[in-house]
C-alpha cells in the first residue's frame, strides 16, 4: 500500500482512502511529495506510524496488521486537518 502527499503546499494525503483485505500484514510506503515535512500516524485501532518525520522528497516504510474489517483513520500530526482512512474489507478485496 502506498500513500503519498499532495504536491506543493497542499496539506492532503493521496489517496486519502485506501482499501486492503483483512487478515494480512500490510507494508505501508509513505512518500512525501510536498514542499513541507509530514508524518503518517494511525489514530485508532492500529498502533503504527512512520518512524520519523518525513522530509520533502523522502519516503518511509512500516508494516501493519489491521484487525478485522472496518475503518482505521490516519493523520499527519504536524498539520491539523490532514487525514485519511485505511479501509479493511473482506478477504476478497484487492489493492
C-alpha atoms as a PDB file:
ATOM      1  CA  UNK A   1       0.000   0.000   0.000  1.00  0.00           C
ATOM      2  CA  UNK A   2       1.386   3.385  -0.964  1.00  0.00           C
ATOM      3  CA  UNK A   3       0.242   6.742   0.358  1.00  0.00           C
ATOM      4  CA  UNK A   4       1.778   9.990  -0.811  1.00  0.00           C
ATOM      5  CA  UNK A   5       1.152  13.638  -0.109  1.00  0.00           C
ATOM      6  CA  UNK A   6      -0.293  16.173  -2.494  1.00  0.00           C
ATOM      7  CA  UNK A   7       2.371  18.254  -4.256  1.00  0.00           C
ATOM      8  CA  UNK A   8       3.416  21.743  -3.226  1.00  0.00           C
ATOM      9  CA  UNK A   9       1.938  23.265  -0.086  1.00  0.00           C
ATOM     10  CA  UNK A  10      -1.432  21.459  -0.202  1.00  0.00           C
ATOM     11  CA  UNK A  11      -2.000  19.549   3.043  1.00  0.00           C
ATOM     12  CA  UNK A  12      -3.529  16.255   1.896  1.00  0.00           C
ATOM     13  CA  UNK A  13      -2.823  12.547   1.603  1.00  0.00           C
ATOM     14  CA  UNK A  14      -3.142  10.996  -1.871  1.00  0.00           C
ATOM     15  CA  UNK A  15      -5.147   8.860  -1.881  1.00  0.00           C
ATOM     16  CA  UNK A  16      -6.917   9.785   1.327  1.00  0.00           C
ATOM     17  CA  UNK A  17      -8.731   6.440   1.361  1.00  0.00           C
ATOM     18  CA  UNK A  18      -7.044   3.068   0.774  1.00  0.00           C
ATOM     19  CA  UNK A  19      -8.604  -0.408   0.897  1.00  0.00           C
ATOM     20  CA  UNK A  20      -6.859  -3.642   1.848  1.00  0.00           C
ATOM     21  CA  UNK A  21      -8.118  -7.175   2.543  1.00  0.00           C
ATOM     22  CA  UNK A  22      -8.478  -8.316   6.136  1.00  0.00           C
ATOM     23  CA  UNK A  23      -6.192 -10.834   7.801  1.00  0.00           C
ATOM     24  CA  UNK A  24      -2.962  -9.870   6.062  1.00  0.00           C
ATOM     25  CA  UNK A  25       0.071  -7.890   7.099  1.00  0.00           C
ATOM     26  CA  UNK A  26       0.311  -4.733   5.005  1.00  0.00           C
ATOM     27  CA  UNK A  27       3.524  -2.899   4.138  1.00  0.00           C
ATOM     28  CA  UNK A  28       2.902   0.846   4.029  1.00  0.00           C
ATOM     29  CA  UNK A  29       5.136   3.097   1.965  1.00  0.00           C
ATOM     30  CA  UNK A  30       4.623   6.773   2.756  1.00  0.00           C
ATOM     31  CA  UNK A  31       6.169   9.170   0.239  1.00  0.00           C
ATOM     32  CA  UNK A  32       6.271  12.885   0.911  1.00  0.00           C
ATOM     33  CA  UNK A  33       5.784  14.602  -2.446  1.00  0.00           C
ATOM     34  CA  UNK A  34       5.071  18.010  -0.967  1.00  0.00           C
ATOM     35  CA  UNK A  35       7.206  21.017  -0.109  1.00  0.00           C
ATOM     36  CA  UNK A  36       6.898  20.605   3.688  1.00  0.00           C
ATOM     37  CA  UNK A  37       7.632  17.828   6.207  1.00  0.00           C
ATOM     38  CA  UNK A  38       4.873  15.336   7.143  1.00  0.00           C
ATOM     39  CA  UNK A  39       4.298  12.116   9.028  1.00  0.00           C
ATOM     40  CA  UNK A  40       1.610   9.405   8.941  1.00  0.00           C
ATOM     41  CA  UNK A  41       0.159   8.175  12.232  1.00  0.00           C
ATOM     42  CA  UNK A  42      -2.762   5.794  12.757  1.00  0.00           C
ATOM     43  CA  UNK A  43      -5.040   7.176  15.465  1.00  0.00           C
ATOM     44  CA  UNK A  44      -7.430   4.331  16.245  1.00  0.00           C
ATOM     45  CA  UNK A  45      -7.312   0.546  16.010  1.00  0.00           C
ATOM     46  CA  UNK A  46      -3.755   0.314  14.655  1.00  0.00           C
ATOM     47  CA  UNK A  47      -0.676   1.241  16.659  1.00  0.00           C
ATOM     48  CA  UNK A  48       1.683   2.275  13.860  1.00  0.00           C
ATOM     49  CA  UNK A  49       3.283   5.313  12.262  1.00  0.00           C
ATOM     50  CA  UNK A  50       6.200   6.467  10.163  1.00  0.00           C
ATOM     51  CA  UNK A  51       9.341   6.038  12.263  1.00  0.00           C
ATOM     52  CA  UNK A  52      10.236   9.740  11.875  1.00  0.00           C
ATOM     53  CA  UNK A  53       9.106  12.993  10.323  1.00  0.00           C
ATOM     54  CA  UNK A  54       9.444  12.553   6.553  1.00  0.00           C
ATOM     55  CA  UNK A  55      11.207  15.379   4.718  1.00  0.00           C
ATOM     56  CA  UNK A  56      10.040  16.596   1.293  1.00  0.00           C
ATOM     57  CA  UNK A  57      11.035  14.119  -1.410  1.00  0.00           C
ATOM     58  CA  UNK A  58      11.720  11.319   1.096  1.00  0.00           C
ATOM     59  CA  UNK A  59       9.874   8.052   1.875  1.00  0.00           C
ATOM     60  CA  UNK A  60       9.385   5.911   4.960  1.00  0.00           C
ATOM     61  CA  UNK A  61       8.003   2.413   5.316  1.00  0.00           C
ATOM     62  CA  UNK A  62       6.381   0.406   8.063  1.00  0.00           C
ATOM     63  CA  UNK A  63       4.183  -2.668   8.404  1.00  0.00           C
ATOM     64  CA  UNK A  64       0.750  -3.039   9.980  1.00  0.00           C
ATOM     65  CA  UNK A  65      -1.600  -5.933  10.590  1.00  0.00           C
ATOM     66  CA  UNK A  66      -5.065  -4.430  10.904  1.00  0.00           C
ATOM     67  CA  UNK A  67      -7.752  -6.146  12.931  1.00  0.00           C
ATOM     68  CA  UNK A  68     -10.992  -7.156  11.300  1.00  0.00           C
ATOM     69  CA  UNK A  69     -12.917  -5.268   8.651  1.00  0.00           C
ATOM     70  CA  UNK A  70     -13.511  -1.622   9.421  1.00  0.00           C
ATOM     71  CA  UNK A  71     -12.115   1.876   9.037  1.00  0.00           C
ATOM     72  CA  UNK A  72      -8.781   2.893  10.534  1.00  0.00           C
ATOM     73  CA  UNK A  73      -8.040   6.639  10.471  1.00  0.00           C
ATOM     74  CA  UNK A  74      -4.586   8.117   9.965  1.00  0.00           C
ATOM     75  CA  UNK A  75      -3.352  11.700  10.229  1.00  0.00           C
ATOM     76  CA  UNK A  76      -0.341  13.941   9.888  1.00  0.00           C
ATOM     77  CA  UNK A  77       0.241  15.107  13.454  1.00  0.00           C
ATOM     78  CA  UNK A  78       2.106  18.165  12.199  1.00  0.00           C
ATOM     79  CA  UNK A  79      -0.811  19.556  10.148  1.00  0.00           C
ATOM     80  CA  UNK A  80      -4.272  19.711  11.696  1.00  0.00           C
ATOM     81  CA  UNK A  81      -6.953  18.552   9.277  1.00  0.00           C
ATOM     82  CA  UNK A  82      -4.669  16.333   7.191  1.00  0.00           C
ATOM     83  CA  UNK A  83      -6.263  12.901   7.443  1.00  0.00           C
ATOM     84  CA  UNK A  84      -7.056   9.683   5.618  1.00  0.00           C
ATOM     85  CA  UNK A  85      -8.601   6.276   6.150  1.00  0.00           C
ATOM     86  CA  UNK A  86      -7.443   2.693   5.717  1.00  0.00           C
ATOM     87  CA  UNK A  87     -10.486   0.552   4.948  1.00  0.00           C
ATOM     88  CA  UNK A  88     -10.119  -3.135   5.726  1.00  0.00           C
ATOM     89  CA  UNK A  89     -12.546  -5.232   3.700  1.00  0.00           C
ATOM     90  CA  UNK A  90     -13.325  -8.930   3.407  1.00  0.00           C
ATOM     91  CA  UNK A  91     -10.511 -11.190   2.177  1.00  0.00           C
ATOM     92  CA  UNK A  92     -11.560 -10.904  -1.494  1.00  0.00           C
ATOM     93  CA  UNK A  93     -10.598  -7.220  -1.820  1.00  0.00           C
ATOM     94  CA  UNK A  94      -7.530  -6.217  -3.778  1.00  0.00           C
ATOM     95  CA  UNK A  95      -5.098  -3.319  -3.734  1.00  0.00           C
END
